[in-house]
Amino acid sequence: MPNIKSAVKRVKVSEKKNLRNRMIKSAMKTQVKKFDSAVAANQADVKLLSVTQGVVDKAAAKGVIHKNAANRKKARLAKRLNKAAQ
């Protein structure tokens, strides 16, 4: 544990941010898994895709993942839906 007051504060702040980031990333992964299972069961639709893309966008907006990573994920989700629709 740090002795300097500012270092103690930084530890507390980083723990809070880490918890928040993990929660956002976990919610994103859960939504992507729901989408994947719906695609596998041929029950996915455009509405579920937009909800999933919204969760990914929110994670990118909060800085949990990079915006290019978010765009890549969204493109891959759309590709899976289109492939399943064929």
PDB file of N, CA and C in Angstrom:
ATOM      1  N   MET A   1       0.842  -1.185   0.000  1.00  0.00           N
ATOM      2  CA  MET A   1       0.000   0.000   0.000  1.00  0.00           C
ATOM      3  C   MET A   1       0.888   1.249   0.000  1.00  0.00           C
ATOM      4  N   PRO A   2       0.550   2.218  -0.812  1.00  0.00           N
ATOM      5  CA  PRO A   2       1.380   3.422  -0.884  1.00  0.00           C
ATOM      6  C   PRO A   2       1.292   4.267   0.389  1.00  0.00           C
ATOM      7  N   ASN A   3       2.353   5.014   0.639  1.00  0.00           N
ATOM      8  CA  ASN A   3       2.386   5.888   1.814  1.00  0.00           C
ATOM      9  C   ASN A   3       1.938   7.301   1.479  1.00  0.00           C
ATOM     10  N   ILE A   4       2.129   7.723   0.239  1.00  0.00           N
ATOM     11  CA  ILE A   4       1.809   9.083  -0.157  1.00  0.00           C
ATOM     12  C   ILE A   4       0.302   9.199  -0.393  1.00  0.00           C
ATOM     13  N   LYS A   5      -0.260  10.324   0.092  1.00  0.00           N
ATOM     14  CA  LYS A   5      -1.701  10.509   0.058  1.00  0.00           C
ATOM     15  C   LYS A   5      -2.265  10.460  -1.364  1.00  0.00           C
ATOM     16  N   SER A   6      -1.588  11.102  -2.295  1.00  0.00           N
ATOM     17  CA  SER A   6      -2.084  11.119  -3.673  1.00  0.00           C
ATOM     18  C   SER A   6      -2.013   9.727  -4.300  1.00  0.00           C
ATOM     19  N   ALA A   7      -1.012   8.955  -3.932  1.00  0.00           N
ATOM     20  CA  ALA A   7      -0.880   7.597  -4.454  1.00  0.00           C
ATOM     21  C   ALA A   7      -1.995   6.704  -3.907  1.00  0.00           C
ATOM     22  N   VAL A   8      -2.370   6.925  -2.648  1.00  0.00           N
ATOM     23  CA  VAL A   8      -3.474   6.173  -2.046  1.00  0.00           C
ATOM     24  C   VAL A   8      -4.764   6.463  -2.813  1.00  0.00           C
ATOM     25  N   LYS A   9      -4.970   7.756  -3.116  1.00  0.00           N
ATOM     26  CA  LYS A   9      -6.166   8.144  -3.861  1.00  0.00           C
ATOM     27  C   LYS A   9      -6.165   7.525  -5.252  1.00  0.00           C
ATOM     28  N   ARG A  10      -5.027   7.534  -5.929  1.00  0.00           N
ATOM     29  CA  ARG A  10      -4.946   6.960  -7.261  1.00  0.00           C
ATOM     30  C   ARG A  10      -5.307   5.479  -7.244  1.00  0.00           C
ATOM     31  N   VAL A  11      -4.886   4.766  -6.205  1.00  0.00           N
ATOM     32  CA  VAL A  11      -5.219   3.343  -6.089  1.00  0.00           C
ATOM     33  C   VAL A  11      -6.730   3.170  -5.984  1.00  0.00           C
ATOM     34  N   LYS A  12      -7.375   3.994  -5.142  1.00  0.00           N
ATOM     35  CA  LYS A  12      -8.824   3.908  -4.978  1.00  0.00           C
ATOM     36  C   LYS A  12      -9.553   4.234  -6.274  1.00  0.00           C
ATOM     37  N   VAL A  13      -9.114   5.294  -6.941  1.00  0.00           N
ATOM     38  CA  VAL A  13      -9.766   5.710  -8.184  1.00  0.00           C
ATOM     39  C   VAL A  13      -9.599   4.639  -9.260  1.00  0.00           C
ATOM     40  N   SER A  14      -8.407   4.090  -9.364  1.00  0.00           N
ATOM     41  CA  SER A  14      -8.171   3.082 -10.400  1.00  0.00           C
ATOM     42  C   SER A  14      -8.981   1.808 -10.129  1.00  0.00           C
ATOM     43  N   GLU A  15      -9.188   1.472  -8.849  1.00  0.00           N
ATOM     44  CA  GLU A  15     -10.012   0.311  -8.525  1.00  0.00           C
ATOM     45  C   GLU A  15     -11.461   0.543  -8.949  1.00  0.00           C
ATOM     46  N   LYS A  16     -11.976   1.752  -8.711  1.00  0.00           N
ATOM     47  CA  LYS A  16     -13.345   2.077  -9.113  1.00  0.00           C
ATOM     48  C   LYS A  16     -13.495   2.022 -10.629  1.00  0.00           C
ATOM     49  N   LYS A  17     -12.531   2.604 -11.333  1.00  0.00           N
ATOM     50  CA  LYS A  17     -12.598   2.612 -12.796  1.00  0.00           C
ATOM     51  C   LYS A  17     -12.479   1.203 -13.351  1.00  0.00           C
ATOM     52  N   ASN A  18     -11.619   0.396 -12.729  1.00  0.00           N
ATOM     53  CA  ASN A  18     -11.440  -0.979 -13.173  1.00  0.00           C
ATOM     54  C   ASN A  18     -12.745  -1.759 -13.018  1.00  0.00           C
ATOM     55  N   LEU A  19     -13.430  -1.559 -11.889  1.00  0.00           N
ATOM     56  CA  LEU A  19     -14.699  -2.242 -11.652  1.00  0.00           C
ATOM     57  C   LEU A  19     -15.733  -1.816 -12.690  1.00  0.00           C
ATOM     58  N   ARG A  20     -15.814  -0.506 -12.948  1.00  0.00           N
ATOM     59  CA  ARG A  20     -16.773   0.002 -13.932  1.00  0.00           C
ATOM     60  C   ARG A  20     -16.485  -0.563 -15.321  1.00  0.00           C
ATOM     61  N   ASN A  21     -15.212  -0.553 -15.699  1.00  0.00           N
ATOM     62  CA  ASN A  21     -14.831  -1.063 -17.019  1.00  0.00           C
ATOM     63  C   ASN A  21     -15.153  -2.546 -17.155  1.00  0.00           C
ATOM     64  N   ARG A  22     -14.892  -3.311 -16.091  1.00  0.00           N
ATOM     65  CA  ARG A  22     -15.190  -4.748 -16.150  1.00  0.00           C
ATOM     66  C   ARG A  22     -16.685  -4.992 -16.281  1.00  0.00           C
ATOM     67  N   MET A  23     -17.499  -4.177 -15.586  1.00  0.00           N
ATOM     68  CA  MET A  23     -18.954  -4.338 -15.672  1.00  0.00           C
ATOM     69  C   MET A  23     -19.453  -4.047 -17.089  1.00  0.00           C
ATOM     70  N   ILE A  24     -18.929  -2.984 -17.682  1.00  0.00           N
ATOM     71  CA  ILE A  24     -19.355  -2.611 -19.035  1.00  0.00           C
ATOM     72  C   ILE A  24     -18.921  -3.677 -20.036  1.00  0.00           C
ATOM     73  N   LYS A  25     -17.686  -4.137 -19.909  1.00  0.00           N
ATOM     74  CA  LYS A  25     -17.175  -5.155 -20.834  1.00  0.00           C
ATOM     75  C   LYS A  25     -17.931  -6.470 -20.672  1.00  0.00           C
ATOM     76  N   SER A  26     -18.266  -6.827 -19.434  1.00  0.00           N
ATOM     77  CA  SER A  26     -19.014  -8.049 -19.181  1.00  0.00           C
ATOM     78  C   SER A  26     -20.415  -7.967 -19.783  1.00  0.00           C
ATOM     79  N   ALA A  27     -21.064  -6.805 -19.630  1.00  0.00           N
ATOM     80  CA  ALA A  27     -22.396  -6.625 -20.209  1.00  0.00           C
ATOM     81  C   ALA A  27     -22.337  -6.718 -21.728  1.00  0.00           C
ATOM     82  N   MET A  28     -21.281  -6.176 -22.308  1.00  0.00           N
ATOM     83  CA  MET A  28     -21.118  -6.233 -23.753  1.00  0.00           C
ATOM     84  C   MET A  28     -20.950  -7.686 -24.214  1.00  0.00           C
ATOM     85  N   LYS A  29     -20.088  -8.427 -23.525  1.00  0.00           N
ATOM     86  CA  LYS A  29     -19.852  -9.821 -23.900  1.00  0.00           C
ATOM     87  C   LYS A  29     -21.126 -10.648 -23.750  1.00  0.00           C
ATOM     88  N   THR A  30     -21.898 -10.385 -22.696  1.00  0.00           N
ATOM     89  CA  THR A  30     -23.140 -11.113 -22.474  1.00  0.00           C
ATOM     90  C   THR A  30     -24.121 -10.861 -23.605  1.00  0.00           C
ATOM     91  N   GLN A  31     -24.248  -9.592 -24.017  1.00  0.00           N
ATOM     92  CA  GLN A  31     -25.168  -9.254 -25.106  1.00  0.00           C
ATOM     93  C   GLN A  31     -24.727  -9.895 -26.416  1.00  0.00           C
ATOM     94  N   VAL A  32     -23.426  -9.922 -26.676  1.00  0.00           N
ATOM     95  CA  VAL A  32     -22.917 -10.552 -27.904  1.00  0.00           C
ATOM     96  C   VAL A  32     -23.209 -12.053 -27.878  1.00  0.00           C
ATOM     97  N   LYS A  33     -23.076 -12.678 -26.707  1.00  0.00           N
ATOM     98  CA  LYS A  33     -23.378 -14.105 -26.600  1.00  0.00           C
ATOM     99  C   LYS A  33     -24.856 -14.373 -26.833  1.00  0.00           C
ATOM    100  N   LYS A  34     -25.730 -13.479 -26.320  1.00  0.00           N
ATOM    101  CA  LYS A  34     -27.163 -13.627 -26.561  1.00  0.00           C
ATOM    102  C   LYS A  34     -27.456 -13.536 -28.054  1.00  0.00           C
ATOM    103  N   PHE A  35     -26.804 -12.599 -28.708  1.00  0.00           N
ATOM    104  CA  PHE A  35     -27.000 -12.438 -30.158  1.00  0.00           C
ATOM    105  C   PHE A  35     -26.527 -13.684 -30.900  1.00  0.00           C
ATOM    106  N   ASP A  36     -25.358 -14.198 -30.520  1.00  0.00           N
ATOM    107  CA  ASP A  36     -24.818 -15.386 -31.180  1.00  0.00           C
ATOM    108  C   ASP A  36     -25.739 -16.593 -30.999  1.00  0.00           C
ATOM    109  N   SER A  37     -26.277 -16.761 -29.793  1.00  0.00           N
ATOM    110  CA  SER A  37     -27.167 -17.898 -29.562  1.00  0.00           C
ATOM    111  C   SER A  37     -28.473 -17.731 -30.341  1.00  0.00           C
ATOM    112  N   ALA A  38     -28.940 -16.492 -30.498  1.00  0.00           N
ATOM    113  CA  ALA A  38     -30.147 -16.250 -31.292  1.00  0.00           C
ATOM    114  C   ALA A  38     -29.878 -16.531 -32.772  1.00  0.00           C
ATOM    115  N   VAL A  39     -28.695 -16.171 -33.246  1.00  0.00           N
ATOM    116  CA  VAL A  39     -28.331 -16.458 -34.642  1.00  0.00           C
ATOM    117  C   VAL A  39     -28.257 -17.966 -34.848  1.00  0.00           C
ATOM    118  N   ALA A  40     -27.686 -18.667 -33.891  1.00  0.00           N
ATOM    119  CA  ALA A  40     -27.563 -20.118 -34.012  1.00  0.00           C
ATOM    120  C   ALA A  40     -28.929 -20.794 -34.035  1.00  0.00           C
ATOM    121  N   ALA A  41     -29.897 -20.199 -33.321  1.00  0.00           N
ATOM    122  CA  ALA A  41     -31.240 -20.775 -33.270  1.00  0.00           C
ATOM    123  C   ALA A  41     -32.156 -20.200 -34.349  1.00  0.00           C
ATOM    124  N   ASN A  42     -31.597 -19.418 -35.269  1.00  0.00           N
ATOM    125  CA  ASN A  42     -32.356 -18.755 -36.341  1.00  0.00           C
ATOM    126  C   ASN A  42     -33.473 -17.871 -35.798  1.00  0.00           C
ATOM    127  N   GLN A  43     -33.223 -17.202 -34.651  1.00  0.00           N
ATOM    128  CA  GLN A  43     -34.213 -16.309 -34.064  1.00  0.00           C
ATOM    129  C   GLN A  43     -33.719 -14.866 -34.016  1.00  0.00           C
ATOM    130  N   ALA A  44     -32.573 -14.600 -34.606  1.00  0.00           N
ATOM    131  CA  ALA A  44     -32.009 -13.247 -34.586  1.00  0.00           C
ATOM    132  C   ALA A  44     -32.735 -12.379 -35.607  1.00  0.00           C
ATOM    133  N   ASP A  45     -32.881 -11.104 -35.265  1.00  0.00           N
ATOM    134  CA  ASP A  45     -33.479 -10.158 -36.183  1.00  0.00           C
ATOM    135  C   ASP A  45     -32.721  -8.833 -36.110  1.00  0.00           C
ATOM    136  N   VAL A  46     -33.158  -7.877 -36.896  1.00  0.00           N
ATOM    137  CA  VAL A  46     -32.470  -6.590 -36.984  1.00  0.00           C
ATOM    138  C   VAL A  46     -32.559  -5.842 -35.658  1.00  0.00           C
ATOM    139  N   LYS A  47     -33.669  -6.012 -34.948  1.00  0.00           N
ATOM    140  CA  LYS A  47     -33.834  -5.319 -33.660  1.00  0.00           C
ATOM    141  C   LYS A  47     -32.791  -5.795 -32.652  1.00  0.00           C
ATOM    142  N   LEU A  48     -32.588  -7.096 -32.579  1.00  0.00           N
ATOM    143  CA  LEU A  48     -31.576  -7.631 -31.667  1.00  0.00           C
ATOM    144  C   LEU A  48     -30.183  -7.175 -32.079  1.00  0.00           C
ATOM    145  N   LEU A  49     -29.949  -7.097 -33.386  1.00  0.00           N
ATOM    146  CA  LEU A  49     -28.666  -6.604 -33.883  1.00  0.00           C
ATOM    147  C   LEU A  49     -28.446  -5.159 -33.442  1.00  0.00           C
ATOM    148  N   SER A  50     -29.464  -4.319 -33.565  1.00  0.00           N
ATOM    149  CA  SER A  50     -29.290  -2.909 -33.196  1.00  0.00           C
ATOM    150  C   SER A  50     -29.084  -2.750 -31.695  1.00  0.00           C
ATOM    151  N   VAL A  51     -29.738  -3.573 -30.894  1.00  0.00           N
ATOM    152  CA  VAL A  51     -29.531  -3.523 -29.439  1.00  0.00           C
ATOM    153  C   VAL A  51     -28.093  -3.908 -29.105  1.00  0.00           C
ATOM    154  N   THR A  52     -27.618  -4.961 -29.737  1.00  0.00           N
ATOM    155  CA  THR A  52     -26.252  -5.428 -29.498  1.00  0.00           C
ATOM    156  C   THR A  52     -25.238  -4.394 -29.955  1.00  0.00           C
ATOM    157  N   GLN A  53     -25.469  -3.800 -31.108  1.00  0.00           N
ATOM    158  CA  GLN A  53     -24.559  -2.765 -31.596  1.00  0.00           C
ATOM    159  C   GLN A  53     -24.570  -1.544 -30.679  1.00  0.00           C
ATOM    160  N   GLY A  54     -25.713  -1.239 -30.090  1.00  0.00           N
ATOM    161  CA  GLY A  54     -25.803  -0.129 -29.152  1.00  0.00           C
ATOM    162  C   GLY A  54     -24.968  -0.371 -27.905  1.00  0.00           C
ATOM    163  N   VAL A  55     -24.987  -1.593 -27.423  1.00  0.00           N
ATOM    164  CA  VAL A  55     -24.177  -1.940 -26.245  1.00  0.00           C
ATOM    165  C   VAL A  55     -22.696  -1.828 -26.574  1.00  0.00           C
ATOM    166  N   VAL A  56     -22.320  -2.267 -27.757  1.00  0.00           N
ATOM    167  CA  VAL A  56     -20.922  -2.174 -28.186  1.00  0.00           C
ATOM    168  C   VAL A  56     -20.516  -0.706 -28.335  1.00  0.00           C
ATOM    169  N   ASP A  57     -21.399   0.101 -28.917  1.00  0.00           N
ATOM    170  CA  ASP A  57     -21.119   1.528 -29.064  1.00  0.00           C
ATOM    171  C   ASP A  57     -20.956   2.213 -27.718  1.00  0.00           C
ATOM    172  N   LYS A  58     -21.782   1.833 -26.759  1.00  0.00           N
ATOM    173  CA  LYS A  58     -21.703   2.441 -25.431  1.00  0.00           C
ATOM    174  C   LYS A  58     -20.366   2.108 -24.763  1.00  0.00           C
ATOM    175  N   ALA A  59     -19.904   0.879 -24.953  1.00  0.00           N
ATOM    176  CA  ALA A  59     -18.602   0.495 -24.392  1.00  0.00           C
ATOM    177  C   ALA A  59     -17.484   1.314 -25.033  1.00  0.00           C
ATOM    178  N   ALA A  60     -17.597   1.557 -26.330  1.00  0.00           N
ATOM    179  CA  ALA A  60     -16.585   2.360 -27.020  1.00  0.00           C
ATOM    180  C   ALA A  60     -16.648   3.816 -26.565  1.00  0.00           C
ATOM    181  N   ALA A  61     -17.853   4.328 -26.358  1.00  0.00           N
ATOM    182  CA  ALA A  61     -18.009   5.717 -25.933  1.00  0.00           C
ATOM    183  C   ALA A  61     -17.427   5.942 -24.545  1.00  0.00           C
ATOM    184  N   LYS A  62     -17.501   4.931 -23.712  1.00  0.00           N
ATOM    185  CA  LYS A  62     -16.956   5.052 -22.359  1.00  0.00           C
ATOM    186  C   LYS A  62     -15.469   4.730 -22.291  1.00  0.00           C
ATOM    187  N   GLY A  63     -14.892   4.360 -23.423  1.00  0.00           N
ATOM    188  CA  GLY A  63     -13.461   4.119 -23.470  1.00  0.00           C
ATOM    189  C   GLY A  63     -13.030   2.746 -23.019  1.00  0.00           C
ATOM    190  N   VAL A  64     -13.973   1.833 -22.895  1.00  0.00           N
ATOM    191  CA  VAL A  64     -13.634   0.481 -22.452  1.00  0.00           C
ATOM    192  C   VAL A  64     -12.958  -0.291 -23.581  1.00  0.00           C
ATOM    193  N   ILE A  65     -13.466  -0.105 -24.808  1.00  0.00           N
ATOM    194  CA  ILE A  65     -12.812  -0.679 -25.977  1.00  0.00           C
ATOM    195  C   ILE A  65     -12.560   0.445 -26.977  1.00  0.00           C
ATOM    196  N   HIS A  66     -11.646   0.233 -27.877  1.00  0.00           N
ATOM    197  CA  HIS A  66     -11.302   1.240 -28.882  1.00  0.00           C
ATOM    198  C   HIS A  66     -12.426   1.339 -29.906  1.00  0.00           C
ATOM    199  N   LYS A  67     -12.608   2.524 -30.489  1.00  0.00           N
ATOM    200  CA  LYS A  67     -13.712   2.708 -31.433  1.00  0.00           C
ATOM    201  C   LYS A  67     -13.562   1.843 -32.672  1.00  0.00           C
ATOM    202  N   ASN A  68     -12.328   1.584 -33.112  1.00  0.00           N
ATOM    203  CA  ASN A  68     -12.141   0.710 -34.267  1.00  0.00           C
ATOM    204  C   ASN A  68     -12.487  -0.738 -33.915  1.00  0.00           C
ATOM    205  N   ALA A  69     -12.189  -1.133 -32.694  1.00  0.00           N
ATOM    206  CA  ALA A  69     -12.561  -2.479 -32.245  1.00  0.00           C
ATOM    207  C   ALA A  69     -14.080  -2.609 -32.196  1.00  0.00           C
ATOM    208  N   ALA A  70     -14.750  -1.544 -31.768  1.00  0.00           N
ATOM    209  CA  ALA A  70     -16.211  -1.557 -31.719  1.00  0.00           C
ATOM    210  C   ALA A  70     -16.786  -1.665 -33.129  1.00  0.00           C
ATOM    211  N   ASN A  71     -16.232  -0.903 -34.057  1.00  0.00           N
ATOM    212  CA  ASN A  71     -16.714  -0.969 -35.436  1.00  0.00           C
ATOM    213  C   ASN A  71     -16.486  -2.344 -36.040  1.00  0.00           C
ATOM    214  N   ARG A  72     -15.349  -2.949 -35.717  1.00  0.00           N
ATOM    215  CA  ARG A  72     -15.063  -4.292 -36.218  1.00  0.00           C
ATOM    216  C   ARG A  72     -16.066  -5.295 -35.660  1.00  0.00           C
ATOM    217  N   LYS A  73     -16.358  -5.197 -34.358  1.00  0.00           N
ATOM    218  CA  LYS A  73     -17.331  -6.100 -33.744  1.00  0.00           C
ATOM    219  C   LYS A  73     -18.705  -5.947 -34.384  1.00  0.00           C
ATOM    220  N   LYS A  74     -19.125  -4.701 -34.601  1.00  0.00           N
ATOM    221  CA  LYS A  74     -20.438  -4.450 -35.189  1.00  0.00           C
ATOM    222  C   LYS A  74     -20.517  -5.002 -36.606  1.00  0.00           C
ATOM    223  N   ALA A  75     -19.450  -4.844 -37.370  1.00  0.00           N
ATOM    224  CA  ALA A  75     -19.436  -5.372 -38.735  1.00  0.00           C
ATOM    225  C   ALA A  75     -19.526  -6.892 -38.728  1.00  0.00           C
ATOM    226  N   ARG A  76     -18.831  -7.512 -37.811  1.00  0.00           N
ATOM    227  CA  ARG A  76     -18.861  -8.978 -37.733  1.00  0.00           C
ATOM    228  C   ARG A  76     -20.231  -9.488 -37.301  1.00  0.00           C
ATOM    229  N   LEU A  77     -20.889  -8.739 -36.387  1.00  0.00           N
ATOM    230  CA  LEU A  77     -22.239  -9.125 -35.969  1.00  0.00           C
ATOM    231  C   LEU A  77     -23.202  -9.060 -37.154  1.00  0.00           C
ATOM    232  N   ALA A  78     -23.119  -7.973 -37.924  1.00  0.00           N
ATOM    233  CA  ALA A  78     -23.999  -7.824 -39.087  1.00  0.00           C
ATOM    234  C   ALA A  78     -23.725  -8.912 -40.121  1.00  0.00           C
ATOM    235  N   LYS A  79     -22.456  -9.244 -40.271  1.00  0.00           N
ATOM    236  CA  LYS A  79     -22.080 -10.288 -41.225  1.00  0.00           C
ATOM    237  C   LYS A  79     -22.676 -11.639 -40.820  1.00  0.00           C
ATOM    238  N   ARG A  80     -22.634 -11.927 -39.500  1.00  0.00           N
ATOM    239  CA  ARG A  80     -23.210 -13.189 -39.011  1.00  0.00           C
ATOM    240  C   ARG A  80     -24.713 -13.243 -39.252  1.00  0.00           C
ATOM    241  N   LEU A  81     -25.382 -12.110 -39.006  1.00  0.00           N
ATOM    242  CA  LEU A  81     -26.826 -12.069 -39.213  1.00  0.00           C
ATOM    243  C   LEU A  81     -27.177 -12.258 -40.686  1.00  0.00           C
ATOM    244  N   ASN A  82     -26.445 -11.585 -41.559  1.00  0.00           N
ATOM    245  CA  ASN A  82     -26.699 -11.719 -42.997  1.00  0.00           C
ATOM    246  C   ASN A  82     -26.427 -13.136 -43.500  1.00  0.00           C
ATOM    247  N   LYS A  83     -25.368 -13.754 -42.979  1.00  0.00           N
ATOM    248  CA  LYS A  83     -25.038 -15.108 -43.384  1.00  0.00           C
ATOM    249  C   LYS A  83     -26.116 -16.087 -42.922  1.00  0.00           C
ATOM    250  N   ALA A  84     -26.646 -15.866 -41.705  1.00  0.00           N
ATOM    251  CA  ALA A  84     -27.692 -16.743 -41.186  1.00  0.00           C
ATOM    252  C   ALA A  84     -29.011 -16.558 -41.942  1.00  0.00           C
ATOM    253  N   ALA A  85     -29.229 -15.351 -42.464  1.00  0.00           N
ATOM    254  CA  ALA A  85     -30.481 -15.074 -43.181  1.00  0.00           C
ATOM    255  C   ALA A  85     -30.513 -15.738 -44.559  1.00  0.00           C
ATOM    256  N   GLN A  86     -29.350 -16.050 -45.090  1.00  0.00           N
ATOM    257  CA  GLN A  86     -29.298 -16.658 -46.427  1.00  0.00           C
ATOM    258  C   GLN A  86     -29.650 -18.108 -46.425  1.00  0.00           C
TER     259      GLN A  86
END
